[in-house]
Amino acid sequence: MTLLTNAQERMRFLKFMVVGAIGAVVDFGTMNLLTHLFNMPLVFAGTISFICAVISNFIWNRYWTYPDSRSRPLLRQLLMFALVNVAGVAIRIPILYFVEPPLLHLFARIPDLKPSTSEFLAKNLTLAIAVGIVMLWNFFLNRYWTYNDVDKLKQDNAT
């Protein structure tokens, strides 16, 4: 696999992870704001927070992780990135829906843990699980579809 043997690909993956961490801050911050201040259900708040993170991640990835991947027009590349992430939402929503209740039940059984703390822990651990799974999906699909022009540009420059 190129990621394991190519230093440039490893650097891209590390940058993608940093961008993902920034996106996670946007994601978690937005989700917590919406669920705690506006009492929004996790599935809805998590979907909105995901969209905010996607916009942040696209900007960072286009200009920092893959600066050499701008042969495509901005809107076309954004659409490609968004399609990968829409599929990520399709992975994410069932995780948010099905994983939170058992985690909430698990945390609620811990003695001396307030219900609000149990809820906070369950929501955030559920979101962390979803973010981790979807990050892997997003990296590989975006690298080999949305940003595959990096390879084409490298081949064109070599000839």
N, C-alpha and C. Protein backbone atom coordinates (compact mmCIF):
# COMPACT_ATOMS: atom_id res chain seq x y z
N MET A 1 0.84 -1.18 0.00
CA MET A 1 0.00 0.00 0.00
C MET A 1 0.89 1.24 0.00
N THR A 2 0.57 2.18 -0.83
CA THR A 2 1.35 3.39 -1.02
C THR A 2 1.46 4.19 0.28
N LEU A 3 0.41 4.23 1.07
CA LEU A 3 0.40 5.00 2.31
C LEU A 3 1.51 4.54 3.25
N LEU A 4 1.78 3.27 3.27
CA LEU A 4 2.79 2.73 4.18
C LEU A 4 4.21 2.93 3.68
N THR A 5 4.40 3.01 2.38
CA THR A 5 5.75 3.07 1.82
C THR A 5 6.16 4.43 1.28
N ASN A 6 5.24 5.31 1.03
CA ASN A 6 5.53 6.60 0.42
C ASN A 6 5.49 7.71 1.48
N ALA A 7 6.61 8.39 1.67
CA ALA A 7 6.70 9.44 2.69
C ALA A 7 5.71 10.58 2.44
N GLN A 8 5.52 10.93 1.17
CA GLN A 8 4.59 12.01 0.85
C GLN A 8 3.15 11.61 1.20
N GLU A 9 2.79 10.36 0.95
CA GLU A 9 1.44 9.90 1.29
C GLU A 9 1.25 9.84 2.81
N ARG A 10 2.29 9.44 3.52
CA ARG A 10 2.20 9.44 4.99
C ARG A 10 1.98 10.86 5.50
N MET A 11 2.70 11.82 4.90
CA MET A 11 2.53 13.22 5.31
C MET A 11 1.11 13.70 5.00
N ARG A 12 0.59 13.32 3.85
CA ARG A 12 -0.80 13.68 3.52
C ARG A 12 -1.77 13.09 4.53
N PHE A 13 -1.54 11.83 4.91
CA PHE A 13 -2.42 11.19 5.89
C PHE A 13 -2.34 11.92 7.23
N LEU A 14 -1.13 12.30 7.65
CA LEU A 14 -0.98 13.05 8.91
C LEU A 14 -1.69 14.40 8.83
N LYS A 15 -1.54 15.09 7.70
CA LYS A 15 -2.25 16.36 7.53
C LYS A 15 -3.76 16.13 7.53
N PHE A 16 -4.20 15.05 6.86
CA PHE A 16 -5.62 14.72 6.83
C PHE A 16 -6.12 14.48 8.26
N MET A 17 -5.30 13.83 9.08
CA MET A 17 -5.68 13.59 10.48
C MET A 17 -5.74 14.90 11.27
N VAL A 18 -4.81 15.83 11.02
CA VAL A 18 -4.85 17.13 11.70
C VAL A 18 -6.12 17.88 11.28
N VAL A 19 -6.40 17.86 9.99
CA VAL A 19 -7.62 18.50 9.49
C VAL A 19 -8.84 17.82 10.13
N GLY A 20 -8.78 16.51 10.23
CA GLY A 20 -9.87 15.78 10.89
C GLY A 20 -10.02 16.17 12.35
N ALA A 21 -8.90 16.41 13.02
CA ALA A 21 -8.96 16.85 14.43
C ALA A 21 -9.63 18.22 14.53
N ILE A 22 -9.28 19.12 13.62
CA ILE A 22 -9.93 20.43 13.58
C ILE A 22 -11.42 20.25 13.31
N GLY A 23 -11.73 19.38 12.35
CA GLY A 23 -13.12 19.08 12.05
C GLY A 23 -13.84 18.47 13.24
N ALA A 24 -13.13 17.64 14.01
CA ALA A 24 -13.74 17.03 15.20
C ALA A 24 -14.07 18.09 16.24
N VAL A 25 -13.19 19.09 16.39
CA VAL A 25 -13.48 20.18 17.33
C VAL A 25 -14.73 20.93 16.87
N VAL A 26 -14.81 21.21 15.59
CA VAL A 26 -16.00 21.86 15.03
C VAL A 26 -17.22 20.96 15.26
N ASP A 27 -17.07 19.68 14.97
CA ASP A 27 -18.15 18.70 15.09
C ASP A 27 -18.64 18.58 16.53
N PHE A 28 -17.72 18.29 17.45
CA PHE A 28 -18.10 18.11 18.85
C PHE A 28 -18.63 19.40 19.46
N GLY A 29 -17.98 20.52 19.14
CA GLY A 29 -18.43 21.79 19.68
C GLY A 29 -19.84 22.14 19.23
N THR A 30 -20.10 21.96 17.94
CA THR A 30 -21.43 22.25 17.41
C THR A 30 -22.46 21.29 17.99
N MET A 31 -22.13 19.99 18.03
CA MET A 31 -23.06 19.00 18.58
C MET A 31 -23.39 19.32 20.03
N ASN A 32 -22.38 19.62 20.84
CA ASN A 32 -22.64 19.91 22.25
C ASN A 32 -23.45 21.19 22.42
N LEU A 33 -23.17 22.20 21.62
CA LEU A 33 -23.94 23.44 21.66
C LEU A 33 -25.41 23.16 21.35
N LEU A 34 -25.64 22.42 20.28
CA LEU A 34 -27.02 22.16 19.85
C LEU A 34 -27.77 21.25 20.81
N THR A 35 -27.10 20.22 21.35
CA THR A 35 -27.81 19.30 22.25
C THR A 35 -28.01 19.88 23.65
N HIS A 36 -27.04 20.64 24.13
CA HIS A 36 -27.13 21.13 25.51
C HIS A 36 -27.84 22.48 25.63
N LEU A 37 -27.57 23.38 24.72
CA LEU A 37 -28.22 24.70 24.81
C LEU A 37 -29.60 24.72 24.16
N PHE A 38 -29.76 23.94 23.08
CA PHE A 38 -31.02 23.97 22.36
C PHE A 38 -31.82 22.67 22.50
N ASN A 39 -31.30 21.73 23.31
CA ASN A 39 -31.98 20.47 23.59
C ASN A 39 -32.38 19.71 22.31
N MET A 40 -31.54 19.79 21.31
CA MET A 40 -31.79 19.12 20.03
C MET A 40 -31.41 17.65 20.16
N PRO A 41 -32.18 16.74 19.57
CA PRO A 41 -31.81 15.32 19.60
C PRO A 41 -30.46 15.09 18.91
N LEU A 42 -29.74 14.08 19.38
CA LEU A 42 -28.38 13.83 18.90
C LEU A 42 -28.32 13.59 17.40
N VAL A 43 -29.27 12.85 16.85
CA VAL A 43 -29.22 12.56 15.42
C VAL A 43 -29.28 13.85 14.60
N PHE A 44 -30.13 14.78 14.97
CA PHE A 44 -30.23 16.04 14.24
C PHE A 44 -29.02 16.93 14.50
N ALA A 45 -28.66 17.05 15.77
CA ALA A 45 -27.50 17.88 16.12
C ALA A 45 -26.23 17.31 15.49
N GLY A 46 -26.11 15.99 15.50
CA GLY A 46 -24.94 15.34 14.92
C GLY A 46 -24.87 15.51 13.42
N THR A 47 -26.01 15.58 12.77
CA THR A 47 -26.02 15.80 11.32
C THR A 47 -25.60 17.24 10.99
N ILE A 48 -26.13 18.19 11.73
CA ILE A 48 -25.75 19.59 11.51
C ILE A 48 -24.27 19.80 11.81
N SER A 49 -23.81 19.22 12.90
CA SER A 49 -22.40 19.39 13.27
C SER A 49 -21.48 18.75 12.24
N PHE A 50 -21.94 17.65 11.66
CA PHE A 50 -21.18 16.97 10.62
C PHE A 50 -21.03 17.87 9.39
N ILE A 51 -22.10 18.52 8.99
CA ILE A 51 -22.06 19.42 7.83
C ILE A 51 -21.09 20.57 8.08
N CYS A 52 -21.11 21.13 9.28
CA CYS A 52 -20.16 22.21 9.61
C CYS A 52 -18.72 21.70 9.53
N ALA A 53 -18.49 20.49 10.01
CA ALA A 53 -17.14 19.91 9.98
C ALA A 53 -16.71 19.62 8.54
N VAL A 54 -17.63 19.17 7.70
CA VAL A 54 -17.31 18.88 6.31
C VAL A 54 -16.85 20.14 5.59
N ILE A 55 -17.54 21.24 5.81
CA ILE A 55 -17.15 22.50 5.17
C ILE A 55 -15.75 22.91 5.63
N SER A 56 -15.50 22.83 6.92
CA SER A 56 -14.17 23.15 7.45
C SER A 56 -13.11 22.23 6.85
N ASN A 57 -13.40 20.93 6.83
CA ASN A 57 -12.42 19.96 6.33
C ASN A 57 -12.13 20.15 4.84
N PHE A 58 -13.15 20.47 4.06
CA PHE A 58 -12.92 20.67 2.63
C PHE A 58 -11.95 21.82 2.41
N ILE A 59 -12.18 22.91 3.09
CA ILE A 59 -11.31 24.09 2.92
C ILE A 59 -9.88 23.74 3.31
N TRP A 60 -9.69 23.13 4.48
CA TRP A 60 -8.35 22.77 4.93
C TRP A 60 -7.69 21.76 4.00
N ASN A 61 -8.43 20.74 3.58
CA ASN A 61 -7.83 19.72 2.71
C ASN A 61 -7.48 20.29 1.34
N ARG A 62 -8.32 21.11 0.78
CA ARG A 62 -8.05 21.65 -0.54
C ARG A 62 -6.81 22.55 -0.53
N TYR A 63 -6.66 23.34 0.51
CA TYR A 63 -5.57 24.32 0.51
C TYR A 63 -4.34 23.91 1.30
N TRP A 64 -4.43 22.88 2.15
CA TRP A 64 -3.27 22.50 2.95
C TRP A 64 -2.84 21.06 2.71
N THR A 65 -3.76 20.11 2.83
CA THR A 65 -3.39 18.69 2.67
C THR A 65 -3.06 18.37 1.22
N TYR A 66 -3.88 18.86 0.29
CA TYR A 66 -3.71 18.58 -1.13
C TYR A 66 -3.61 19.86 -1.94
N PRO A 67 -2.65 20.73 -1.66
CA PRO A 67 -2.57 21.98 -2.42
C PRO A 67 -2.24 21.75 -3.89
N ASP A 68 -1.66 20.60 -4.20
CA ASP A 68 -1.33 20.27 -5.58
C ASP A 68 -2.50 19.61 -6.31
N SER A 69 -3.65 19.58 -5.67
CA SER A 69 -4.83 18.95 -6.25
C SER A 69 -5.90 19.98 -6.54
N ARG A 70 -5.55 20.95 -7.33
CA ARG A 70 -6.54 21.97 -7.67
C ARG A 70 -6.73 22.07 -9.17
N SER A 71 -6.52 20.95 -9.88
CA SER A 71 -6.75 20.98 -11.32
C SER A 71 -8.25 20.95 -11.61
N ARG A 72 -9.03 20.49 -10.67
CA ARG A 72 -10.49 20.48 -10.83
C ARG A 72 -11.04 21.83 -10.36
N PRO A 73 -12.12 22.27 -10.98
CA PRO A 73 -12.76 23.49 -10.50
C PRO A 73 -13.24 23.31 -9.05
N LEU A 74 -13.22 24.38 -8.30
CA LEU A 74 -13.58 24.36 -6.88
C LEU A 74 -14.94 23.68 -6.64
N LEU A 75 -15.95 24.08 -7.37
CA LEU A 75 -17.29 23.54 -7.12
C LEU A 75 -17.38 22.05 -7.45
N ARG A 76 -16.69 21.62 -8.48
CA ARG A 76 -16.70 20.19 -8.82
C ARG A 76 -16.01 19.38 -7.72
N GLN A 77 -14.89 19.87 -7.24
CA GLN A 77 -14.18 19.15 -6.19
C GLN A 77 -14.98 19.17 -4.88
N LEU A 78 -15.64 20.28 -4.59
CA LEU A 78 -16.50 20.35 -3.41
C LEU A 78 -17.63 19.35 -3.52
N LEU A 79 -18.22 19.23 -4.71
CA LEU A 79 -19.30 18.26 -4.91
C LEU A 79 -18.80 16.84 -4.69
N MET A 80 -17.64 16.52 -5.22
CA MET A 80 -17.07 15.19 -5.03
C MET A 80 -16.83 14.92 -3.54
N PHE A 81 -16.22 15.91 -2.87
CA PHE A 81 -15.95 15.80 -1.44
C PHE A 81 -17.25 15.62 -0.67
N ALA A 82 -18.26 16.40 -1.03
CA ALA A 82 -19.56 16.32 -0.36
C ALA A 82 -20.21 14.96 -0.57
N LEU A 83 -20.10 14.40 -1.77
CA LEU A 83 -20.70 13.08 -2.02
C LEU A 83 -20.07 12.00 -1.15
N VAL A 84 -18.76 12.04 -1.01
CA VAL A 84 -18.08 11.09 -0.13
C VAL A 84 -18.59 11.26 1.29
N ASN A 85 -18.76 12.52 1.71
CA ASN A 85 -19.19 12.79 3.06
C ASN A 85 -20.67 12.49 3.29
N VAL A 86 -21.49 12.61 2.26
CA VAL A 86 -22.89 12.21 2.38
C VAL A 86 -22.97 10.71 2.64
N ALA A 87 -22.13 9.96 1.95
CA ALA A 87 -22.06 8.53 2.24
C ALA A 87 -21.58 8.32 3.67
N GLY A 88 -20.67 9.19 4.13
CA GLY A 88 -20.22 9.12 5.51
C GLY A 88 -21.35 9.38 6.49
N VAL A 89 -22.25 10.30 6.16
CA VAL A 89 -23.43 10.54 7.01
C VAL A 89 -24.29 9.28 7.07
N ALA A 90 -24.42 8.60 5.94
CA ALA A 90 -25.21 7.37 5.91
C ALA A 90 -24.60 6.29 6.82
N ILE A 91 -23.29 6.34 6.99
CA ILE A 91 -22.62 5.43 7.93
C ILE A 91 -22.80 5.95 9.36
N ARG A 92 -22.69 7.24 9.51
CA ARG A 92 -22.69 7.89 10.83
C ARG A 92 -24.04 7.84 11.55
N ILE A 93 -25.12 8.14 10.85
CA ILE A 93 -26.43 8.24 11.50
C ILE A 93 -26.84 6.95 12.21
N PRO A 94 -26.73 5.79 11.58
CA PRO A 94 -27.08 4.57 12.32
C PRO A 94 -26.19 4.34 13.56
N ILE A 95 -24.93 4.74 13.46
CA ILE A 95 -24.06 4.61 14.63
C ILE A 95 -24.59 5.50 15.76
N LEU A 96 -24.92 6.75 15.43
CA LEU A 96 -25.45 7.66 16.45
C LEU A 96 -26.75 7.12 17.04
N TYR A 97 -27.59 6.58 16.18
CA TYR A 97 -28.91 6.12 16.62
C TYR A 97 -28.82 4.85 17.47
N PHE A 98 -28.00 3.89 17.05
CA PHE A 98 -27.99 2.59 17.72
C PHE A 98 -26.97 2.46 18.85
N VAL A 99 -25.91 3.24 18.82
CA VAL A 99 -24.85 3.08 19.83
C VAL A 99 -25.13 3.91 21.08
N GLU A 100 -25.76 5.06 20.93
CA GLU A 100 -25.99 5.91 22.10
C GLU A 100 -26.83 5.23 23.20
N PRO A 101 -27.97 4.61 22.89
CA PRO A 101 -28.78 4.03 23.98
C PRO A 101 -28.04 3.01 24.86
N PRO A 102 -27.31 2.03 24.27
CA PRO A 102 -26.60 1.11 25.18
C PRO A 102 -25.49 1.79 25.98
N LEU A 103 -24.84 2.78 25.38
CA LEU A 103 -23.81 3.51 26.14
C LEU A 103 -24.45 4.32 27.27
N LEU A 104 -25.57 4.94 26.99
CA LEU A 104 -26.27 5.69 28.02
C LEU A 104 -26.67 4.75 29.16
N HIS A 105 -27.17 3.57 28.81
CA HIS A 105 -27.54 2.57 29.81
C HIS A 105 -26.31 2.15 30.63
N LEU A 106 -25.20 1.95 29.95
CA LEU A 106 -23.96 1.56 30.62
C LEU A 106 -23.49 2.64 31.60
N PHE A 107 -23.45 3.89 31.15
CA PHE A 107 -23.00 4.98 32.02
C PHE A 107 -23.99 5.25 33.15
N ALA A 108 -25.27 5.04 32.90
CA ALA A 108 -26.29 5.26 33.93
C ALA A 108 -26.15 4.27 35.08
N ARG A 109 -25.52 3.14 34.82
CA ARG A 109 -25.34 2.11 35.86
C ARG A 109 -24.14 2.38 36.76
N ILE A 110 -23.34 3.38 36.41
CA ILE A 110 -22.16 3.71 37.23
C ILE A 110 -22.64 4.50 38.45
N PRO A 111 -22.35 3.97 39.65
CA PRO A 111 -22.80 4.67 40.87
C PRO A 111 -22.21 6.07 40.96
N ASP A 112 -22.97 6.96 41.51
CA ASP A 112 -22.58 8.36 41.78
C ASP A 112 -22.36 9.18 40.51
N LEU A 113 -22.75 8.68 39.37
CA LEU A 113 -22.63 9.46 38.13
C LEU A 113 -23.99 10.11 37.87
N LYS A 114 -23.99 11.41 37.78
CA LYS A 114 -25.25 12.15 37.56
C LYS A 114 -25.82 11.77 36.20
N PRO A 115 -27.15 11.80 36.06
CA PRO A 115 -27.76 11.52 34.75
C PRO A 115 -27.25 12.44 33.64
N SER A 116 -27.02 13.71 33.96
CA SER A 116 -26.53 14.63 32.93
C SER A 116 -25.11 14.26 32.50
N THR A 117 -24.30 13.76 33.43
CA THR A 117 -22.95 13.32 33.10
C THR A 117 -22.99 12.05 32.26
N SER A 118 -23.88 11.13 32.63
CA SER A 118 -24.05 9.90 31.84
C SER A 118 -24.45 10.23 30.41
N GLU A 119 -25.38 11.15 30.27
CA GLU A 119 -25.84 11.56 28.94
C GLU A 119 -24.71 12.21 28.15
N PHE A 120 -23.95 13.09 28.79
CA PHE A 120 -22.83 13.76 28.15
C PHE A 120 -21.79 12.74 27.67
N LEU A 121 -21.44 11.79 28.53
CA LEU A 121 -20.45 10.78 28.17
C LEU A 121 -20.95 9.88 27.04
N ALA A 122 -22.20 9.47 27.11
CA ALA A 122 -22.77 8.59 26.07
C ALA A 122 -22.79 9.29 24.72
N LYS A 123 -23.24 10.52 24.68
CA LYS A 123 -23.30 11.26 23.42
C LYS A 123 -21.90 11.44 22.83
N ASN A 124 -20.96 11.84 23.65
CA ASN A 124 -19.62 12.11 23.15
C ASN A 124 -18.86 10.85 22.75
N LEU A 125 -19.01 9.77 23.49
CA LEU A 125 -18.36 8.51 23.10
C LEU A 125 -18.99 7.98 21.82
N THR A 126 -20.31 8.08 21.71
CA THR A 126 -20.99 7.66 20.48
C THR A 126 -20.46 8.45 19.28
N LEU A 127 -20.37 9.75 19.44
CA LEU A 127 -19.87 10.60 18.35
C LEU A 127 -18.41 10.26 18.03
N ALA A 128 -17.61 9.99 19.05
CA ALA A 128 -16.20 9.63 18.82
C ALA A 128 -16.08 8.35 18.01
N ILE A 129 -16.90 7.36 18.31
CA ILE A 129 -16.90 6.11 17.55
C ILE A 129 -17.27 6.38 16.09
N ALA A 130 -18.33 7.17 15.90
CA ALA A 130 -18.77 7.49 14.55
C ALA A 130 -17.71 8.26 13.78
N VAL A 131 -17.09 9.23 14.43
CA VAL A 131 -16.05 10.04 13.78
C VAL A 131 -14.88 9.16 13.34
N GLY A 132 -14.45 8.25 14.20
CA GLY A 132 -13.33 7.37 13.86
C GLY A 132 -13.61 6.50 12.65
N ILE A 133 -14.77 5.90 12.62
CA ILE A 133 -15.13 5.03 11.49
C ILE A 133 -15.26 5.83 10.20
N VAL A 134 -15.93 6.95 10.28
CA VAL A 134 -16.16 7.76 9.08
C VAL A 134 -14.87 8.41 8.59
N MET A 135 -13.94 8.72 9.51
CA MET A 135 -12.65 9.30 9.09
C MET A 135 -11.90 8.35 8.15
N LEU A 136 -11.87 7.08 8.49
CA LEU A 136 -11.19 6.11 7.62
C LEU A 136 -11.86 6.05 6.25
N TRP A 137 -13.16 5.97 6.23
CA TRP A 137 -13.93 5.98 4.98
C TRP A 137 -13.57 7.22 4.17
N ASN A 138 -13.64 8.38 4.81
CA ASN A 138 -13.41 9.65 4.10
C ASN A 138 -11.99 9.75 3.54
N PHE A 139 -11.00 9.34 4.31
CA PHE A 139 -9.64 9.47 3.83
C PHE A 139 -9.44 8.67 2.54
N PHE A 140 -9.79 7.41 2.58
CA PHE A 140 -9.49 6.56 1.43
C PHE A 140 -10.32 6.95 0.21
N LEU A 141 -11.60 7.25 0.38
CA LEU A 141 -12.38 7.64 -0.79
C LEU A 141 -11.97 9.00 -1.33
N ASN A 142 -11.73 9.95 -0.44
CA ASN A 142 -11.31 11.27 -0.92
C ASN A 142 -9.93 11.21 -1.56
N ARG A 143 -9.02 10.46 -0.98
CA ARG A 143 -7.67 10.39 -1.54
C ARG A 143 -7.67 9.79 -2.94
N TYR A 144 -8.43 8.72 -3.12
CA TYR A 144 -8.37 8.01 -4.40
C TYR A 144 -9.48 8.38 -5.37
N TRP A 145 -10.35 9.33 -5.00
CA TRP A 145 -11.36 9.80 -5.95
C TRP A 145 -11.32 11.33 -6.03
N THR A 146 -11.62 12.01 -4.93
CA THR A 146 -11.69 13.47 -4.95
C THR A 146 -10.35 14.10 -5.28
N TYR A 147 -9.27 13.56 -4.70
CA TYR A 147 -7.95 14.14 -4.89
C TYR A 147 -7.03 13.24 -5.72
N ASN A 148 -7.60 12.43 -6.58
CA ASN A 148 -6.76 11.54 -7.39
C ASN A 148 -6.00 12.30 -8.48
N ASP A 149 -6.33 13.56 -8.70
CA ASP A 149 -5.59 14.32 -9.70
C ASP A 149 -4.16 14.62 -9.26
N VAL A 150 -3.84 14.42 -7.99
CA VAL A 150 -2.45 14.57 -7.53
C VAL A 150 -1.58 13.57 -8.27
N ASP A 151 -2.04 12.33 -8.37
CA ASP A 151 -1.29 11.29 -9.09
C ASP A 151 -1.19 11.63 -10.57
N LYS A 152 -2.28 12.09 -11.15
CA LYS A 152 -2.28 12.44 -12.58
C LYS A 152 -1.32 13.59 -12.85
N LEU A 153 -1.34 14.59 -11.97
CA LEU A 153 -0.44 15.72 -12.15
C LEU A 153 1.02 15.26 -12.04
N LYS A 154 1.30 14.38 -11.11
CA LYS A 154 2.66 13.86 -10.94
C LYS A 154 3.10 13.09 -12.19
N GLN A 155 2.19 12.28 -12.75
CA GLN A 155 2.50 11.51 -13.96
C GLN A 155 2.70 12.44 -15.15
N ASP A 156 1.85 13.47 -15.26
CA ASP A 156 1.96 14.42 -16.37
C ASP A 156 3.29 15.17 -16.30
N ASN A 157 3.70 15.55 -15.08
CA ASN A 157 4.96 16.28 -14.92
C ASN A 157 6.17 15.40 -15.18
N ALA A 158 6.03 14.09 -14.98
CA ALA A 158 7.15 13.16 -15.17
C ALA A 158 7.40 12.89 -16.66
N THR A 159 6.38 13.07 -17.49
CA THR A 159 6.53 12.79 -18.92
C THR A 159 7.06 13.98 -19.70
